[in-house]
């Protein structure tokens, strides 16, 4: 697995990796991570197609998902009085 690009973003760390003819989009925020895998053959313009997928609407839902992940974990954590 090798990192082929890192995209600047004010809220997330976004890395594009390549492994086994797949692009892996890894988006991190704090202790949480979202990963998306795409076969390279499905994208006509290579890594540039990956950049196109990471538009503002998609990243907005990624942010909302991070908030939901945090809430889910905190709810579970507090159910057991830690």
PDB file of N, CA and C in Angstrom:
ATOM      1  N   UNK A   1       0.862  -1.163   0.000  1.00  0.00           N
ATOM      2  CA  UNK A   1       0.000   0.000   0.000  1.00  0.00           C
ATOM      3  C   UNK A   1       0.907   1.224   0.000  1.00  0.00           C
ATOM      4  N   UNK A   2       0.593   2.151  -0.895  1.00  0.00           N
ATOM      5  CA  UNK A   2       1.391   3.370  -0.930  1.00  0.00           C
ATOM      6  C   UNK A   2       0.496   4.590  -1.050  1.00  0.00           C
ATOM      7  N   UNK A   3       0.894   5.643  -0.396  1.00  0.00           N
ATOM      8  CA  UNK A   3       0.159   6.905  -0.469  1.00  0.00           C
ATOM      9  C   UNK A   3       0.535   7.582  -1.779  1.00  0.00           C
ATOM     10  N   UNK A   4      -0.498   7.919  -2.578  1.00  0.00           N
ATOM     11  CA  UNK A   4      -0.223   8.598  -3.842  1.00  0.00           C
ATOM     12  C   UNK A   4      -0.618  10.072  -3.811  1.00  0.00           C
ATOM     13  N   UNK A   5      -1.435  10.459  -2.818  1.00  0.00           N
ATOM     14  CA  UNK A   5      -1.809  11.873  -2.694  1.00  0.00           C
ATOM     15  C   UNK A   5      -2.378  12.133  -1.311  1.00  0.00           C
ATOM     16  N   UNK A   6      -2.207  13.358  -0.854  1.00  0.00           N
ATOM     17  CA  UNK A   6      -2.870  13.844   0.351  1.00  0.00           C
ATOM     18  C   UNK A   6      -3.524  15.165  -0.011  1.00  0.00           C
ATOM     19  N   UNK A   7      -4.786  15.287   0.336  1.00  0.00           N
ATOM     20  CA  UNK A   7      -5.532  16.496  -0.015  1.00  0.00           C
ATOM     21  C   UNK A   7      -5.699  17.378   1.212  1.00  0.00           C
ATOM     22  N   UNK A   8      -5.422  18.651   1.082  1.00  0.00           N
ATOM     23  CA  UNK A   8      -5.626  19.552   2.222  1.00  0.00           C
ATOM     24  C   UNK A   8      -7.118  19.769   2.475  1.00  0.00           C
ATOM     25  N   UNK A   9      -7.481  19.764   3.730  1.00  0.00           N
ATOM     26  CA  UNK A   9      -8.854  20.043   4.137  1.00  0.00           C
ATOM     27  C   UNK A   9      -8.796  20.595   5.561  1.00  0.00           C
ATOM     28  N   UNK A  10      -9.602  21.587   5.890  1.00  0.00           N
ATOM     29  CA  UNK A  10      -9.523  22.188   7.226  1.00  0.00           C
ATOM     30  C   UNK A  10     -10.009  21.273   8.356  1.00  0.00           C
ATOM     31  N   UNK A  11     -10.867  20.294   8.056  1.00  0.00           N
ATOM     32  CA  UNK A  11     -11.443  19.467   9.106  1.00  0.00           C
ATOM     33  C   UNK A  11     -10.943  18.027   9.126  1.00  0.00           C
ATOM     34  N   UNK A  12     -10.457  17.512   8.007  1.00  0.00           N
ATOM     35  CA  UNK A  12     -10.092  16.104   7.907  1.00  0.00           C
ATOM     36  C   UNK A  12      -8.684  15.936   7.360  1.00  0.00           C
ATOM     37  N   UNK A  13      -8.125  14.777   7.615  1.00  0.00           N
ATOM     38  CA  UNK A  13      -6.919  14.365   6.904  1.00  0.00           C
ATOM     39  C   UNK A  13      -7.397  13.415   5.809  1.00  0.00           C
ATOM     40  N   UNK A  14      -7.127  13.743   4.559  1.00  0.00           N
ATOM     41  CA  UNK A  14      -7.572  12.940   3.429  1.00  0.00           C
ATOM     42  C   UNK A  14      -6.353  12.389   2.706  1.00  0.00           C
ATOM     43  N   UNK A  15      -6.278  11.058   2.627  1.00  0.00           N
ATOM     44  CA  UNK A  15      -5.182  10.387   1.934  1.00  0.00           C
ATOM     45  C   UNK A  15      -5.751   9.495   0.850  1.00  0.00           C
ATOM     46  N   UNK A  16      -5.085   9.475  -0.295  1.00  0.00           N
ATOM     47  CA  UNK A  16      -5.432   8.570  -1.395  1.00  0.00           C
ATOM     48  C   UNK A  16      -4.293   7.562  -1.481  1.00  0.00           C
ATOM     49  N   UNK A  17      -4.650   6.292  -1.393  1.00  0.00           N
ATOM     50  CA  UNK A  17      -3.654   5.232  -1.441  1.00  0.00           C
ATOM     51  C   UNK A  17      -3.936   4.323  -2.630  1.00  0.00           C
ATOM     52  N   UNK A  18      -2.937   3.564  -3.011  1.00  0.00           N
ATOM     53  CA  UNK A  18      -3.089   2.596  -4.088  1.00  0.00           C
ATOM     54  C   UNK A  18      -2.619   1.238  -3.578  1.00  0.00           C
ATOM     55  N   UNK A  19      -3.450   0.198  -3.826  1.00  0.00           N
ATOM     56  CA  UNK A  19      -3.093  -1.153  -3.421  1.00  0.00           C
ATOM     57  C   UNK A  19      -3.938  -2.149  -4.209  1.00  0.00           C
ATOM     58  N   UNK A  20      -3.287  -3.132  -4.819  1.00  0.00           N
ATOM     59  CA  UNK A  20      -3.978  -4.220  -5.525  1.00  0.00           C
ATOM     60  C   UNK A  20      -5.004  -3.719  -6.534  1.00  0.00           C
ATOM     61  N   UNK A  21      -4.615  -2.809  -7.395  1.00  0.00           N
ATOM     62  CA  UNK A  21      -5.470  -2.235  -8.430  1.00  0.00           C
ATOM     63  C   UNK A  21      -6.717  -1.559  -7.864  1.00  0.00           C
ATOM     64  N   UNK A  22      -6.584  -1.016  -6.648  1.00  0.00           N
ATOM     65  CA  UNK A  22      -7.678  -0.260  -6.044  1.00  0.00           C
ATOM     66  C   UNK A  22      -7.140   1.064  -5.525  1.00  0.00           C
ATOM     67  N   UNK A  23      -7.987   2.084  -5.636  1.00  0.00           N
ATOM     68  CA  UNK A  23      -7.726   3.338  -4.946  1.00  0.00           C
ATOM     69  C   UNK A  23      -8.433   3.256  -3.602  1.00  0.00           C
ATOM     70  N   UNK A  24      -7.753   3.655  -2.561  1.00  0.00           N
ATOM     71  CA  UNK A  24      -8.334   3.677  -1.227  1.00  0.00           C
ATOM     72  C   UNK A  24      -8.353   5.125  -0.769  1.00  0.00           C
ATOM     73  N   UNK A  25      -9.546   5.602  -0.448  1.00  0.00           N
ATOM     74  CA  UNK A  25      -9.702   6.958   0.070  1.00  0.00           C
ATOM     75  C   UNK A  25      -9.831   6.821   1.582  1.00  0.00           C
ATOM     76  N   UNK A  26      -8.885   7.390   2.309  1.00  0.00           N
ATOM     77  CA  UNK A  26      -8.906   7.319   3.768  1.00  0.00           C
ATOM     78  C   UNK A  26      -9.096   8.728   4.305  1.00  0.00           C
ATOM     79  N   UNK A  27     -10.168   8.900   5.077  1.00  0.00           N
ATOM     80  CA  UNK A  27     -10.494  10.209   5.640  1.00  0.00           C
ATOM     81  C   UNK A  27     -10.497  10.056   7.156  1.00  0.00           C
ATOM     82  N   UNK A  28      -9.698  10.882   7.828  1.00  0.00           N
ATOM     83  CA  UNK A  28      -9.547  10.768   9.276  1.00  0.00           C
ATOM     84  C   UNK A  28      -9.926  12.071   9.959  1.00  0.00           C
ATOM     85  N   UNK A  29     -10.537  11.916  11.118  1.00  0.00           N
ATOM     86  CA  UNK A  29     -10.822  13.069  11.986  1.00  0.00           C
ATOM     87  C   UNK A  29     -10.692  12.577  13.420  1.00  0.00           C
ATOM     88  N   UNK A  30      -9.661  13.038  14.098  1.00  0.00           N
ATOM     89  CA  UNK A  30      -9.419  12.585  15.469  1.00  0.00           C
ATOM     90  C   UNK A  30      -9.186  11.085  15.497  1.00  0.00           C
ATOM     91  N   UNK A  31      -9.941  10.386  16.333  1.00  0.00           N
ATOM     92  CA  UNK A  31      -9.775   8.932  16.473  1.00  0.00           C
ATOM     93  C   UNK A  31     -10.636   8.146  15.486  1.00  0.00           C
ATOM     94  N   UNK A  32     -11.400   8.845  14.662  1.00  0.00           N
ATOM     95  CA  UNK A  32     -12.315   8.174  13.735  1.00  0.00           C
ATOM     96  C   UNK A  32     -11.761   8.180  12.319  1.00  0.00           C
ATOM     97  N   UNK A  33     -12.157   7.156  11.558  1.00  0.00           N
ATOM     98  CA  UNK A  33     -11.658   7.006  10.190  1.00  0.00           C
ATOM     99  C   UNK A  33     -12.755   6.421   9.302  1.00  0.00           C
ATOM    100  N   UNK A  34     -12.835   6.941   8.094  1.00  0.00           N
ATOM    101  CA  UNK A  34     -13.729   6.380   7.070  1.00  0.00           C
ATOM    102  C   UNK A  34     -12.856   5.981   5.889  1.00  0.00           C
ATOM    103  N   UNK A  35     -13.131   4.802   5.328  1.00  0.00           N
ATOM    104  CA  UNK A  35     -12.339   4.294   4.218  1.00  0.00           C
ATOM    105  C   UNK A  35     -13.273   3.870   3.093  1.00  0.00           C
ATOM    106  N   UNK A  36     -12.911   4.239   1.880  1.00  0.00           N
ATOM    107  CA  UNK A  36     -13.672   3.884   0.683  1.00  0.00           C
ATOM    108  C   UNK A  36     -12.700   3.259  -0.313  1.00  0.00           C
ATOM    109  N   UNK A  37     -13.075   2.115  -0.880  1.00  0.00           N
ATOM    110  CA  UNK A  37     -12.219   1.414  -1.842  1.00  0.00           C
ATOM    111  C   UNK A  37     -12.891   1.398  -3.207  1.00  0.00           C
ATOM    112  N   UNK A  38     -12.121   1.759  -4.226  1.00  0.00           N
ATOM    113  CA  UNK A  38     -12.640   1.818  -5.591  1.00  0.00           C
ATOM    114  C   UNK A  38     -11.693   1.082  -6.529  1.00  0.00           C
ATOM    115  N   UNK A  39     -12.205   0.157  -7.350  1.00  0.00           N
ATOM    116  CA  UNK A  39     -11.335  -0.477  -8.347  1.00  0.00           C
ATOM    117  C   UNK A  39     -10.826   0.572  -9.341  1.00  0.00           C
ATOM    118  N   UNK A  40      -9.535   0.520  -9.646  1.00  0.00           N
ATOM    119  CA  UNK A  40      -8.947   1.481 -10.574  1.00  0.00           C
ATOM    120  C   UNK A  40      -9.614   1.430 -11.942  1.00  0.00           C
ATOM    121  N   UNK A  41     -10.060   0.259 -12.374  1.00  0.00           N
ATOM    122  CA  UNK A  41     -10.661   0.133 -13.710  1.00  0.00           C
ATOM    123  C   UNK A  41     -12.009   0.847 -13.810  1.00  0.00           C
ATOM    124  N   UNK A  42     -12.649   1.132 -12.670  1.00  0.00           N
ATOM    125  CA  UNK A  42     -13.939   1.834 -12.687  1.00  0.00           C
ATOM    126  C   UNK A  42     -13.789   3.334 -12.893  1.00  0.00           C
ATOM    127  N   UNK A  43     -12.578   3.838 -12.789  1.00  0.00           N
ATOM    128  CA  UNK A  43     -12.344   5.273 -12.890  1.00  0.00           C
ATOM    129  C   UNK A  43     -11.561   5.565 -14.167  1.00  0.00           C
ATOM    130  N   UNK A  44     -12.180   6.317 -15.063  1.00  0.00           N
ATOM    131  CA  UNK A  44     -11.595   6.529 -16.388  1.00  0.00           C
ATOM    132  C   UNK A  44     -10.365   7.427 -16.386  1.00  0.00           C
ATOM    133  N   UNK A  45     -10.267   8.337 -15.417  1.00  0.00           N
ATOM    134  CA  UNK A  45      -9.163   9.302 -15.415  1.00  0.00           C
ATOM    135  C   UNK A  45      -8.212   9.069 -14.236  1.00  0.00           C
ATOM    136  N   UNK A  46      -8.124   7.838 -13.761  1.00  0.00           N
ATOM    137  CA  UNK A  46      -7.199   7.503 -12.680  1.00  0.00           C
ATOM    138  C   UNK A  46      -7.458   8.286 -11.419  1.00  0.00           C
ATOM    139  N   UNK A  47      -6.378   8.722 -10.781  1.00  0.00           N
ATOM    140  CA  UNK A  47      -6.499   9.422  -9.507  1.00  0.00           C
ATOM    141  C   UNK A  47      -7.249  10.741  -9.649  1.00  0.00           C
ATOM    142  N   UNK A  48      -7.225  11.358 -10.822  1.00  0.00           N
ATOM    143  CA  UNK A  48      -7.999  12.592 -11.022  1.00  0.00           C
ATOM    144  C   UNK A  48      -9.491  12.355 -10.838  1.00  0.00           C
ATOM    145  N   UNK A  49      -9.960  11.162 -11.203  1.00  0.00           N
ATOM    146  CA  UNK A  49     -11.368  10.817 -10.979  1.00  0.00           C
ATOM    147  C   UNK A  49     -11.672  10.734  -9.487  1.00  0.00           C
ATOM    148  N   UNK A  50     -10.711  10.272  -8.716  1.00  0.00           N
ATOM    149  CA  UNK A  50     -10.895  10.211  -7.264  1.00  0.00           C
ATOM    150  C   UNK A  50     -11.064  11.629  -6.716  1.00  0.00           C
ATOM    151  N   UNK A  51     -10.225  12.547  -7.181  1.00  0.00           N
ATOM    152  CA  UNK A  51     -10.339  13.937  -6.725  1.00  0.00           C
ATOM    153  C   UNK A  51     -11.725  14.503  -7.033  1.00  0.00           C
ATOM    154  N   UNK A  52     -12.272  14.168  -8.193  1.00  0.00           N
ATOM    155  CA  UNK A  52     -13.602  14.662  -8.567  1.00  0.00           C
ATOM    156  C   UNK A  52     -14.679  14.137  -7.617  1.00  0.00           C
ATOM    157  N   UNK A  53     -14.532  12.911  -7.162  1.00  0.00           N
ATOM    158  CA  UNK A  53     -15.524  12.324  -6.259  1.00  0.00           C
ATOM    159  C   UNK A  53     -15.572  13.032  -4.902  1.00  0.00           C
ATOM    160  N   UNK A  54     -14.468  13.634  -4.522  1.00  0.00           N
ATOM    161  CA  UNK A  54     -14.376  14.267  -3.205  1.00  0.00           C
ATOM    162  C   UNK A  54     -14.860  15.714  -3.256  1.00  0.00           C
ATOM    163  N   UNK A  55     -16.080  15.864  -3.737  1.00  0.00           N
ATOM    164  CA  UNK A  55     -16.635  17.215  -3.854  1.00  0.00           C
ATOM    165  C   UNK A  55     -17.207  17.682  -2.513  1.00  0.00           C
ATOM    166  N   UNK A  56     -17.650  18.924  -2.498  1.00  0.00           N
ATOM    167  CA  UNK A  56     -18.139  19.521  -1.254  1.00  0.00           C
ATOM    168  C   UNK A  56     -19.343  18.782  -0.674  1.00  0.00           C
ATOM    169  N   UNK A  57     -20.258  18.343  -1.519  1.00  0.00           N
ATOM    170  CA  UNK A  57     -21.442  17.617  -1.031  1.00  0.00           C
ATOM    171  C   UNK A  57     -21.038  16.310  -0.357  1.00  0.00           C
ATOM    172  N   UNK A  58     -20.109  15.576  -0.968  1.00  0.00           N
ATOM    173  CA  UNK A  58     -19.652  14.319  -0.372  1.00  0.00           C
ATOM    174  C   UNK A  58     -18.961  14.575   0.959  1.00  0.00           C
ATOM    175  N   UNK A  59     -18.057  15.561   1.001  1.00  0.00           N
ATOM    176  CA  UNK A  59     -17.328  15.840   2.239  1.00  0.00           C
ATOM    177  C   UNK A  59     -18.245  16.357   3.343  1.00  0.00           C
ATOM    178  N   UNK A  60     -19.338  17.005   2.966  1.00  0.00           N
ATOM    179  CA  UNK A  60     -20.319  17.430   3.971  1.00  0.00           C
ATOM    180  C   UNK A  60     -20.939  16.212   4.642  1.00  0.00           C
ATOM    181  N   UNK A  61     -21.302  15.194   3.859  1.00  0.00           N
ATOM    182  CA  UNK A  61     -21.885  13.981   4.451  1.00  0.00           C
ATOM    183  C   UNK A  61     -20.837  13.205   5.255  1.00  0.00           C
ATOM    184  N   UNK A  62     -19.585  13.273   4.833  1.00  0.00           N
ATOM    185  CA  UNK A  62     -18.509  12.649   5.607  1.00  0.00           C
ATOM    186  C   UNK A  62     -18.441  13.297   6.990  1.00  0.00           C
ATOM    187  N   UNK A  63     -18.511  14.620   7.045  1.00  0.00           N
ATOM    188  CA  UNK A  63     -18.494  15.327   8.320  1.00  0.00           C
ATOM    189  C   UNK A  63     -19.670  14.942   9.204  1.00  0.00           C
ATOM    190  N   UNK A  64     -20.847  14.825   8.608  1.00  0.00           N
ATOM    191  CA  UNK A  64     -22.037  14.414   9.363  1.00  0.00           C
ATOM    192  C   UNK A  64     -21.873  12.994   9.896  1.00  0.00           C
ATOM    193  N   UNK A  65     -21.261  12.136   9.090  1.00  0.00           N
ATOM    194  CA  UNK A  65     -21.034  10.752   9.512  1.00  0.00           C
ATOM    195  C   UNK A  65     -20.042  10.701  10.677  1.00  0.00           C
ATOM    196  N   UNK A  66     -19.014  11.559  10.647  1.00  0.00           N
ATOM    197  CA  UNK A  66     -18.081  11.612  11.769  1.00  0.00           C
ATOM    198  C   UNK A  66     -18.807  12.033  13.048  1.00  0.00           C
ATOM    199  N   UNK A  67     -19.718  12.994  12.934  1.00  0.00           N
ATOM    200  CA  UNK A  67     -20.491  13.412  14.108  1.00  0.00           C
ATOM    201  C   UNK A  67     -21.332  12.260  14.633  1.00  0.00           C
ATOM    202  N   UNK A  68     -21.966  11.505  13.738  1.00  0.00           N
ATOM    203  CA  UNK A  68     -22.779  10.355  14.153  1.00  0.00           C
ATOM    204  C   UNK A  68     -21.903   9.273  14.790  1.00  0.00           C
ATOM    205  N   UNK A  69     -20.714   9.041  14.224  1.00  0.00           N
ATOM    206  CA  UNK A  69     -19.807   8.054  14.796  1.00  0.00           C
ATOM    207  C   UNK A  69     -19.418   8.450  16.221  1.00  0.00           C
ATOM    208  N   UNK A  70     -19.122   9.716  16.409  1.00  0.00           N
ATOM    209  CA  UNK A  70     -18.732  10.197  17.731  1.00  0.00           C
ATOM    210  C   UNK A  70     -19.886  10.046  18.723  1.00  0.00           C
ATOM    211  N   UNK A  71     -21.087  10.405  18.303  1.00  0.00           N
ATOM    212  CA  UNK A  71     -22.253  10.275  19.178  1.00  0.00           C
ATOM    213  C   UNK A  71     -22.500   8.818  19.535  1.00  0.00           C
ATOM    214  N   UNK A  72     -22.446   7.935  18.540  1.00  0.00           N
ATOM    215  CA  UNK A  72     -22.666   6.508  18.796  1.00  0.00           C
ATOM    216  C   UNK A  72     -21.670   5.965  19.809  1.00  0.00           C
ATOM    217  N   UNK A  73     -20.404   6.340  19.641  1.00  0.00           N
ATOM    218  CA  UNK A  73     -19.384   5.834  20.554  1.00  0.00           C
ATOM    219  C   UNK A  73     -19.573   6.399  21.956  1.00  0.00           C
ATOM    220  N   UNK A  74     -19.838   7.701  22.048  1.00  0.00           N
ATOM    221  CA  UNK A  74     -20.035   8.309  23.371  1.00  0.00           C
ATOM    222  C   UNK A  74     -21.246   7.708  24.074  1.00  0.00           C
ATOM    223  N   UNK A  75     -22.340   7.477  23.333  1.00  0.00           N
ATOM    224  CA  UNK A  75     -23.523   6.858  23.926  1.00  0.00           C
ATOM    225  C   UNK A  75     -23.192   5.491  24.497  1.00  0.00           C
ATOM    226  N   UNK A  76     -22.447   4.695  23.737  1.00  0.00           N
ATOM    227  CA  UNK A  76     -22.056   3.364  24.195  1.00  0.00           C
ATOM    228  C   UNK A  76     -21.146   3.477  25.422  1.00  0.00           C
ATOM    229  N   UNK A  77     -20.200   4.380  25.350  1.00  0.00           N
ATOM    230  CA  UNK A  77     -19.245   4.576  26.436  1.00  0.00           C
ATOM    231  C   UNK A  77     -19.968   4.917  27.741  1.00  0.00           C
ATOM    232  N   UNK A  78     -20.922   5.835  27.677  1.00  0.00           N
ATOM    233  CA  UNK A  78     -21.619   6.267  28.887  1.00  0.00           C
ATOM    234  C   UNK A  78     -22.643   5.260  29.379  1.00  0.00           C
ATOM    235  N   UNK A  79     -23.096   4.369  28.555  1.00  0.00           N
ATOM    236  CA  UNK A  79     -23.997   3.297  29.028  1.00  0.00           C
ATOM    237  C   UNK A  79     -23.292   2.419  30.043  1.00  0.00           C
ATOM    238  N   UNK A  80     -21.981   2.332  29.953  1.00  0.00           N
ATOM    239  CA  UNK A  80     -21.227   1.476  30.849  1.00  0.00           C
ATOM    240  C   UNK A  80     -20.445   2.263  31.896  1.00  0.00           C
ATOM    241  N   UNK A  81     -20.810   3.547  32.064  1.00  0.00           N
ATOM    242  CA  UNK A  81     -20.289   4.411  33.136  1.00  0.00           C
ATOM    243  C   UNK A  81     -18.774   4.518  33.157  1.00  0.00           C
ATOM    244  N   UNK A  82     -18.148   4.586  32.030  1.00  0.00           N
ATOM    245  CA  UNK A  82     -16.683   4.773  32.010  1.00  0.00           C
ATOM    246  C   UNK A  82     -16.358   6.220  32.165  1.00  0.00           C
TER     247      UNK A  82
END
